[in-house]
Amino acid sequence: MALYVVTGPPAAGKSSWIAARARPTDIVIDLDRIALALAGPGAPSWQHDETLLKVAHRARFAAIDEAVKHRGAVDVYLIHTMPSAKAIARYRRLDARIVTVDPGRDIVMQRVRDMRHDGMTAVATRWYNQQAKRDSHTVTRQASRSW
């Protein structure tokens, strides 16, 4: 059994990737689903207020801590859109398989315009900018090794 950390910009298809692979007995940790479960009736699916997000983040951290204890029995799928370097290091210590779902910037931006609130455009842009920095850093490190 494994821990899958699924990353990617908003509207990339992270949930769909998991839905195509996870079994009913597996554990799926998704901040949006947690927030929706904790929100009042009629709350929007992807636009959560600050207080709800604080509570949802705490629940997510607790779920991760408990779920990794059960990797021997089930697969654990964790959606983490933009993990920090510190989070990635922790996931690697847990032998996680890090999966990036990215159908491409044009597709993501169109999906965000069609399906999400305006603030998600900024999040998707930030994700792509972060990826460009990581890619550039990786190329620089690889180039410096070859000298």
Protein backbone atom coordinates (compact mmCIF):
# COMPACT_ATOMS: atom_id res chain seq x y z
CA MET A 1 0.00 0.00 0.00
CA ALA A 2 1.18 3.56 -0.60
CA LEU A 3 0.82 7.23 0.18
CA TYR A 4 0.09 9.26 -2.96
CA VAL A 5 0.49 13.02 -2.70
CA VAL A 6 -1.37 14.47 -5.67
CA THR A 7 -0.34 17.99 -6.66
CA GLY A 8 -1.32 20.31 -9.48
CA PRO A 9 -3.08 23.58 -10.18
CA PRO A 10 -6.76 24.14 -9.41
CA ALA A 11 -9.08 22.39 -11.89
CA ALA A 12 -6.28 20.18 -13.21
CA GLY A 13 -8.09 16.94 -12.49
CA LYS A 14 -6.50 15.85 -9.20
CA SER A 15 -9.80 14.52 -7.84
CA SER A 16 -10.53 12.75 -11.12
CA TRP A 17 -7.07 11.15 -11.08
CA ILE A 18 -7.80 9.79 -7.61
CA ALA A 19 -11.35 8.71 -8.49
CA ALA A 20 -9.94 6.60 -11.34
CA ARG A 21 -7.58 4.76 -8.98
CA ALA A 22 -8.81 4.70 -5.38
CA ARG A 23 -10.85 1.84 -4.04
CA PRO A 24 -13.80 2.41 -1.69
CA THR A 25 -11.67 1.20 1.23
CA ASP A 26 -8.81 3.64 0.50
CA ILE A 27 -8.43 6.96 2.28
CA VAL A 28 -8.77 10.22 0.34
CA ILE A 29 -7.76 13.44 2.09
CA ASP A 30 -8.98 16.48 0.16
CA LEU A 31 -9.20 19.90 1.83
CA ASP A 32 -12.16 20.93 -0.36
CA ARG A 33 -14.14 17.83 0.64
CA ILE A 34 -13.23 18.30 4.31
CA ALA A 35 -14.28 21.97 4.25
CA LEU A 36 -17.54 21.10 2.51
CA ALA A 37 -18.25 18.40 5.11
CA LEU A 38 -17.71 20.94 7.89
CA ALA A 39 -19.64 23.80 6.24
CA GLY A 40 -23.27 24.64 6.68
CA PRO A 41 -25.94 23.64 4.17
CA GLY A 42 -25.65 25.28 0.77
CA ALA A 43 -21.98 26.29 1.17
CA PRO A 44 -20.09 26.68 -2.12
CA SER A 45 -17.85 23.78 -3.13
CA TRP A 46 -14.61 25.69 -3.72
CA GLN A 47 -14.90 29.08 -2.04
CA HIS A 48 -14.57 28.75 1.71
CA ASP A 49 -14.36 31.51 4.30
CA GLU A 50 -11.26 31.99 6.44
CA THR A 51 -12.67 30.49 9.65
CA LEU A 52 -13.93 27.37 7.91
CA LEU A 53 -10.55 26.92 6.21
CA LYS A 54 -8.72 27.14 9.55
CA VAL A 55 -10.89 24.38 10.99
CA ALA A 56 -10.61 22.31 7.80
CA HIS A 57 -6.80 22.61 7.80
CA ARG A 58 -6.66 21.33 11.39
CA ALA A 59 -8.90 18.40 10.46
CA ARG A 60 -6.72 17.70 7.41
CA PHE A 61 -3.51 17.64 9.48
CA ALA A 62 -5.11 15.23 11.95
CA ALA A 63 -6.37 13.04 9.09
CA ILE A 64 -2.90 12.90 7.53
CA ASP A 65 -1.24 12.00 10.83
CA GLU A 66 -3.68 9.15 11.40
CA ALA A 67 -3.91 7.94 7.80
CA VAL A 68 -0.16 7.40 7.37
CA LYS A 69 -0.32 4.92 10.25
CA HIS A 70 -2.62 2.73 8.13
CA ARG A 71 -0.65 2.60 4.87
CA GLY A 72 -0.03 -1.09 5.42
CA ALA A 73 -3.74 -1.80 5.02
CA VAL A 74 -4.97 0.81 2.52
CA ASP A 75 -3.69 3.31 -0.02
CA VAL A 76 -3.79 6.92 1.13
CA TYR A 77 -4.43 9.68 -1.41
CA LEU A 78 -3.68 13.23 -0.33
CA ILE A 79 -4.44 16.26 -2.47
CA HIS A 80 -1.95 19.03 -1.80
CA THR A 81 -2.08 21.65 -4.54
CA MET A 82 1.12 23.55 -3.70
CA PRO A 83 3.17 21.76 -1.06
CA SER A 84 6.05 23.75 0.40
CA ALA A 85 9.60 22.41 0.30
CA LYS A 86 9.16 21.44 3.96
CA ALA A 87 5.97 19.49 3.18
CA ILE A 88 7.60 17.73 0.23
CA ALA A 89 10.53 16.74 2.46
CA ARG A 90 8.08 15.30 5.01
CA TYR A 91 6.21 13.39 2.30
CA ARG A 92 9.48 11.98 0.98
CA ARG A 93 10.42 10.82 4.50
CA LEU A 94 7.10 8.97 4.48
CA ASP A 95 8.06 7.34 1.14
CA ALA A 96 5.19 9.09 -0.62
CA ARG A 97 4.70 8.85 -4.34
CA ILE A 98 4.33 12.44 -5.48
CA VAL A 99 2.10 12.76 -8.53
CA THR A 100 1.64 16.01 -10.44
CA VAL A 101 -1.56 16.34 -12.47
CA ASP A 102 -1.25 19.12 -15.03
CA PRO A 103 -3.11 19.05 -18.35
CA GLY A 104 -1.42 22.34 -19.31
CA ARG A 105 -1.84 26.00 -18.48
CA ASP A 106 -4.34 26.80 -21.26
CA ILE A 107 -6.68 23.96 -20.29
CA VAL A 108 -6.44 24.76 -16.57
CA MET A 109 -7.12 28.47 -17.08
CA GLN A 110 -10.15 27.68 -19.22
CA ARG A 111 -11.49 25.24 -16.63
CA VAL A 112 -10.95 27.82 -13.88
CA ARG A 113 -12.86 30.44 -15.89
CA ASP A 114 -15.67 27.96 -16.58
CA MET A 115 -16.00 26.21 -13.21
CA ARG A 116 -14.38 28.15 -10.38
CA HIS A 117 -14.58 31.56 -8.75
CA ASP A 118 -12.35 34.43 -9.91
CA GLY A 119 -9.84 34.02 -7.08
CA MET A 120 -8.78 30.63 -8.44
CA THR A 121 -7.17 32.29 -11.47
CA ALA A 122 -4.61 33.83 -9.10
CA VAL A 123 -4.01 30.47 -7.43
CA ALA A 124 -3.48 28.73 -10.78
CA THR A 125 -1.14 31.51 -11.91
CA ARG A 126 0.84 31.20 -8.67
CA TRP A 127 1.07 27.41 -9.16
CA TYR A 128 2.49 27.82 -12.67
CA ASN A 129 4.91 30.53 -11.54
CA GLN A 130 6.13 28.25 -8.73
CA GLN A 131 6.59 25.38 -11.20
CA ALA A 132 8.60 27.63 -13.53
CA LYS A 133 10.88 28.59 -10.63
CA ARG A 134 11.33 24.94 -9.61
CA ASP A 135 12.03 23.90 -13.21
CA SER A 136 14.52 26.73 -13.64
CA HIS A 137 16.20 25.81 -10.32
CA THR A 138 16.42 22.17 -11.35
CA VAL A 139 17.97 23.06 -14.72
CA THR A 140 20.48 25.35 -13.00
CA ARG A 141 21.43 22.65 -10.51
CA GLN A 142 21.79 20.07 -13.26
CA ALA A 143 23.88 22.41 -15.38
CA SER A 144 26.17 23.23 -12.48
CA ARG A 145 26.77 19.53 -11.83
CA SER A 146 27.92 18.94 -15.39
CA TRP A 147 30.64 21.62 -15.19
